[in-house]
Amino acid sequence: MGEDLLAKLYRPPPLRMMNAFGRALAGFGVVTPISLEAESLLVAASKATGLSDFGPDSFRLGLAKLLESIEAKGRLMLFGRYFARLQLVELMSHRLQLTDYRKRRPEIVDEVIQRPLFILGLQRTGTTLLYGLLAEGPAHRAPLSWEIDQPCPPAETETYLADPRIEMTRARFD
């Protein structure tokens, strides 16, 4: 997006105020108070979950590259940094929870998923429609929004329709 188009995008007043505050801080030489440093994100995820084992360190290089790219090319204002941090901490929290679940249930490593279907595509190309159609088939199992939003622990048949994560996810989107 060009600089002129970014300037023309509508932003609600509270968002504009938050970003103006961020620009004012920068004008005084104050570094943004919202950290997107890897260690800060990992500490926040650990604090949020009470867990500390992220599993193998293989994710760290990718995380470092992502954060480097966000800093170099993202041109995030204060709210953008805030929202990016929320999402990244949530993803790191998921990693902690999945690692913990795998330690508590090592037998899941031996589970075989035969012929999984992955739906990939750009926006507005019918992927949601295809997902919905496939989910209707009795031979398929498509995750619901709350399962994608909060994947761990996996849904249980007994509590599938009454899982407390359903309301938590609904509240996030309302």
Foldseek 3Di string as FASTA:
>chain_A
DDPVVVVPDDDDPVVVVQLVVQVVCVVVVHDQPQDLDPVVLLVLLCVVQVFRDLDDPPCVVVSVVVSVCCVPPVPDGNVRSVVVSVVSSQVSNLSRQVVVVCVVPVCVVVDDDPPDDDQDDDPPPCSVVVLVVQCPDPVDPDDDPLCVSRVPPHDDPVCNPPPPSVVVVVVVVD
